[in-house]
Every structure is written in C-alpha cells, then in structure tokens.
C-alpha cells in the first residue's frame, strides 16, 4: 500500500505518532514510487514558502561591488597564504642544505684515538701522513662548500627580505 496525501501532510505538520512515523520512513526506504512522491511533495511545499523576488535580490546582491570585493580579497588572501607556505618550505629546504653542508666543518679527527708510543712504527707514521693529507683535502673541500653555502644563504636571505619588506 502506497502513501497518500493525508499521511504526507501529517508527516509535514509533525502530527504523526512514533510508530506511524517509523512505518512511514521504512516504507519510503523500500518503495521508490512513494519516495519520489514524497520528494515531489516536499519540493512543492518549499516553492510555496519562498518568495519569487528573492532570487533576483540574491543575484543582484552577489553582483554588487561589496560582495565582489570580499570575494577578490578572499582569493588574494588564499594566494598570499600559498606564497607564505612556499616561502616557509623554501626556507626549510635552505636550512636543511645549510646543515647538510655545514657538517663538513665539524672536526671528527678529534675523536680519533692517538696511537701509543710503543706501537708507533715507520709504517704507522706513513699512514698518519696520508691520513693528514686526506684530512687537509677533505677539510679544504668542506670549507669551500661551506663558504659557497654561506654566500648562497646570504643571497637567499637578502632576496626573501626584499620580497617580504617590499624592497627595503
């Protein structure tokens, strides 16, 4: 048995009992014809409640300069937020690169144990000289990279300051 207009009106006006409402909703869940009828009835009820001139007022208001200005400000604000996020990301990457290249400045040879006087032979001295040569080479490469990184971070810092402070 399908739902009639009397039941639809009772549901709309909230005059239906709890058991009747449960049965009504279960029937709508199972019967597509009654569900379509219910949706059509609800649309008709809504159309009677809304004034006709409201659509024109909403469209006219949305085209007004105040609303367009607020919308443009929201779009600009979103773009500005994305710009700040990208600057933060770039600063994080620069900081990570700086830390990566500044590791070369740490003196890890101080952690190396000194050989005792009893074990020292000519072979050990020769190995130490080779180690010292390699140490000096790696130290000079690390310092060159560090100086380059410092210059790069300086340039990037100046550039970001110009962007954020308007060229000052």
Protein backbone atom coordinates (compact mmCIF):
# COMPACT_ATOMS: atom_id res chain seq x y z
CA UNK A 1 0.00 0.00 0.00
CA UNK A 2 1.38 3.39 -1.02
CA UNK A 3 1.47 6.61 0.99
CA UNK A 4 -1.42 9.02 0.49
CA UNK A 5 -1.57 12.84 0.75
CA UNK A 6 -3.11 12.66 4.23
CA UNK A 7 -0.04 10.81 5.57
CA UNK A 8 2.30 13.23 3.79
CA UNK A 9 0.53 16.21 5.40
CA UNK A 10 0.62 14.54 8.82
CA UNK A 11 4.35 13.95 8.46
CA UNK A 12 4.90 17.54 7.30
CA UNK A 13 2.96 19.01 10.23
CA UNK A 14 4.59 16.63 12.77
CA UNK A 15 1.24 15.14 13.83
CA UNK A 16 2.24 11.54 13.17
CA UNK A 17 2.81 9.11 16.05
CA UNK A 18 6.17 7.46 16.64
CA UNK A 19 5.15 4.02 15.37
CA UNK A 20 3.40 5.53 12.35
CA UNK A 21 6.46 7.65 11.57
CA UNK A 22 8.75 4.59 11.76
CA UNK A 23 6.46 2.68 9.42
CA UNK A 24 6.23 5.71 7.12
CA UNK A 25 10.03 6.08 6.88
CA UNK A 26 10.59 2.35 6.44
CA UNK A 27 8.08 2.36 3.58
CA UNK A 28 9.92 5.32 1.96
CA UNK A 29 13.15 3.35 2.28
CA UNK A 30 11.68 0.38 0.41
CA UNK A 31 9.32 1.99 -2.13
CA UNK A 32 10.85 4.23 -4.82
CA UNK A 33 7.43 5.39 -6.06
CA UNK A 34 6.45 6.73 -2.63
CA UNK A 35 9.91 8.26 -2.18
CA UNK A 36 9.54 10.15 -5.47
CA UNK A 37 6.06 11.25 -4.43
CA UNK A 38 7.41 12.44 -1.04
CA UNK A 39 10.25 14.38 -2.69
CA UNK A 40 7.81 15.99 -5.14
CA UNK A 41 5.50 16.96 -2.25
CA UNK A 42 8.44 18.47 -0.31
CA UNK A 43 9.55 20.50 -3.33
CA UNK A 44 6.04 21.88 -3.76
CA UNK A 45 5.90 22.84 -0.08
CA UNK A 46 9.25 24.64 -0.36
CA UNK A 47 8.22 26.50 -3.51
CA UNK A 48 5.17 27.93 -1.74
CA UNK A 49 7.27 29.19 1.15
CA UNK A 50 9.96 31.08 -0.79
CA UNK A 51 9.15 34.46 -2.32
CA UNK A 52 9.67 34.89 -6.06
CA UNK A 53 11.63 38.16 -5.79
CA UNK A 54 14.25 36.55 -3.56
CA UNK A 55 16.15 35.01 -6.46
CA UNK A 56 16.56 38.37 -8.18
CA UNK A 57 17.67 40.01 -4.93
CA UNK A 58 20.28 37.32 -4.30
CA UNK A 59 21.65 37.59 -7.84
CA UNK A 60 21.71 41.39 -7.67
CA UNK A 61 23.44 41.32 -4.30
CA UNK A 62 26.05 38.83 -5.49
CA UNK A 63 26.91 41.13 -8.40
CA UNK A 64 27.32 44.16 -6.13
CA UNK A 65 30.80 45.68 -5.73
CA UNK A 66 30.96 44.96 -1.98
CA UNK A 67 30.46 41.22 -2.46
CA UNK A 68 32.87 41.11 -5.41
CA UNK A 69 35.49 42.96 -3.33
CA UNK A 70 35.15 40.49 -0.47
CA UNK A 71 35.42 37.59 -2.91
CA UNK A 72 38.53 39.07 -4.54
CA UNK A 73 40.07 39.68 -1.11
CA UNK A 74 39.43 36.06 -0.18
CA UNK A 75 41.09 34.85 -3.39
CA UNK A 76 44.06 37.17 -2.82
CA UNK A 77 44.32 36.06 0.79
CA UNK A 78 44.42 32.42 -0.32
CA UNK A 79 47.17 33.18 -2.85
CA UNK A 80 49.13 35.11 -0.24
CA UNK A 81 48.85 32.19 2.18
CA UNK A 82 50.14 29.83 -0.51
CA UNK A 83 53.03 32.23 -1.16
CA UNK A 84 53.93 32.28 2.55
CA UNK A 85 53.74 28.48 2.71
CA UNK A 86 56.07 28.21 -0.27
CA UNK A 87 58.49 30.67 1.37
CA UNK A 88 58.45 28.61 4.55
CA UNK A 89 59.11 25.47 2.56
CA UNK A 90 61.98 27.13 0.70
CA UNK A 91 63.43 28.36 3.99
CA UNK A 92 63.22 24.83 5.39
CA UNK A 93 64.98 23.40 2.35
CA UNK A 94 67.68 26.07 2.58
CA UNK A 95 68.16 25.36 6.28
CA UNK A 96 68.43 21.63 5.56
CA UNK A 97 71.01 22.24 2.84
CA UNK A 98 72.92 24.57 5.13
CA UNK A 99 73.02 21.93 7.85
CA UNK A 100 73.99 19.29 5.33
CA UNK A 101 76.96 21.26 4.06
CA UNK A 102 77.99 22.64 7.43
CA UNK A 103 78.63 19.12 8.72
CA UNK A 104 81.91 19.36 6.78
CA UNK A 105 83.07 21.97 9.31
CA UNK A 106 82.91 19.55 12.22
CA UNK A 107 86.30 18.17 13.26
CA UNK A 108 85.78 14.43 13.52
CA UNK A 109 89.51 13.72 13.77
CA UNK A 110 89.49 14.87 17.38
CA UNK A 111 87.53 11.72 18.13
CA UNK A 112 90.24 9.54 16.61
CA UNK A 113 92.41 7.85 19.24
CA UNK A 114 96.13 8.60 19.28
CA UNK A 115 98.39 5.52 18.84
CA UNK A 116 100.62 4.70 21.76
CA UNK A 117 104.38 5.30 21.58
CA UNK A 118 105.11 1.58 21.76
CA UNK A 119 103.10 0.69 18.66
CA UNK A 120 104.36 3.57 16.53
CA UNK A 121 106.49 2.38 13.65
CA UNK A 122 107.52 3.89 10.35
CA UNK A 123 104.50 2.33 8.66
CA UNK A 124 102.14 3.92 11.17
CA UNK A 125 103.82 7.31 10.68
CA UNK A 126 103.47 6.94 6.92
CA UNK A 127 99.74 6.13 7.30
CA UNK A 128 99.30 9.14 9.57
CA UNK A 129 100.88 11.40 6.96
CA UNK A 130 98.49 10.02 4.32
CA UNK A 131 95.59 10.47 6.73
CA UNK A 132 96.70 14.06 7.41
CA UNK A 133 96.88 14.74 3.68
CA UNK A 134 93.38 13.30 3.17
CA UNK A 135 92.17 15.24 6.18
CA UNK A 136 93.53 18.51 4.80
CA UNK A 137 91.98 17.77 1.40
CA UNK A 138 88.56 16.96 2.85
CA UNK A 139 88.83 19.96 5.17
CA UNK A 140 89.53 22.30 2.24
CA UNK A 141 86.64 20.83 0.23
CA UNK A 142 84.33 21.20 3.23
CA UNK A 143 85.39 24.80 3.84
CA UNK A 144 84.86 25.64 0.16
CA UNK A 145 81.39 24.15 0.25
CA UNK A 146 80.66 25.95 3.50
CA UNK A 147 81.70 29.32 2.11
CA UNK A 148 79.60 28.74 -1.00
CA UNK A 149 76.64 27.76 1.14
CA UNK A 150 77.05 30.85 3.31
CA UNK A 151 77.07 33.05 0.22
CA UNK A 152 74.02 31.25 -1.18
CA UNK A 153 72.08 31.59 2.08
CA UNK A 154 73.07 35.26 2.24
CA UNK A 155 71.73 35.85 -1.27
CA UNK A 156 68.53 33.97 -0.50
CA UNK A 157 68.10 35.84 2.77
CA UNK A 158 68.54 39.19 1.02
CA UNK A 159 66.09 38.14 -1.68
CA UNK A 160 63.46 36.99 0.80
CA UNK A 161 63.90 40.17 2.84
CA UNK A 162 63.33 42.22 -0.31
CA UNK A 163 60.19 40.24 -1.05
CA UNK A 164 58.78 40.47 2.44
CA UNK A 165 59.77 44.08 3.15
CA UNK A 166 58.88 45.48 -0.25
CA UNK A 167 62.44 46.06 -1.47
CA UNK A 168 63.81 47.68 1.67
